[in-house]
Amino acid sequence: MAEIQPKGDGGGKGGKKRAKKMSTKIDMTPMVDLAFLLLTFFMLTTTFNKPQTMEINMPVKTENKDEQNELKASEALTVILGKNDKIYYYQGLNDGQNQPDLKTTDYSDKGIREVLLDLNARIPKLTVLIKPVKTARYKNVVDILDEMNITNTRRYALVDMSPLDAKLMETVTGAPDGK
């Protein structure tokens, strides 16, 4: 940005010569260019948040039924994820002969976490069967998987609700979807 400086004659003939007044304007173009260069540099070198993923190891399918291990009822905990962020659980398997004692809890550290820590301490080969009802939220499944990770529970499975479990939920809550 160029400016033309007016020339002063110093106030007339033979008088005092005055010093030229310098312009007080500052050329901002280089500073704006530098700001945009820095902005572009930082935008291109910034790392954005990477999505957090949860690693789930799936078992290998075996063709031979003899190679599959049967789950013992004494080593099983069934967790049913109900509607409205409720968790129902019972120890053992629901075989239809003996109705299990269905208990309810929540996702707090005094809820399902305490249950998992207690059972992990007592049962070394604890296997947790996670059964979400159709009306359970996706967040509930992620929360229970987080609890498995926090409590260091290594043996768990996501399983569909069985008709026996649906009937058990219906007797306790009055509806099969855990309302």
Foldseek 3Di string as FASTA:
>chain_A
DDDDFDDDPQPDPPDGRDDGDDDPDDDCVVVVVVVVVVVVVCVVPDDDDDDDDDDDDDDDDDPDPVPDDDDFQQQEKEWEQFAPQKIWIFGGDCPPPDQTDIDIFGLDCVTVLVVLLVSVVVHVNHEYEYEYAPNGDPVSVVSVVVSCVVSVPDHYDHDYDDPSQLVSLCVVQVGSRND
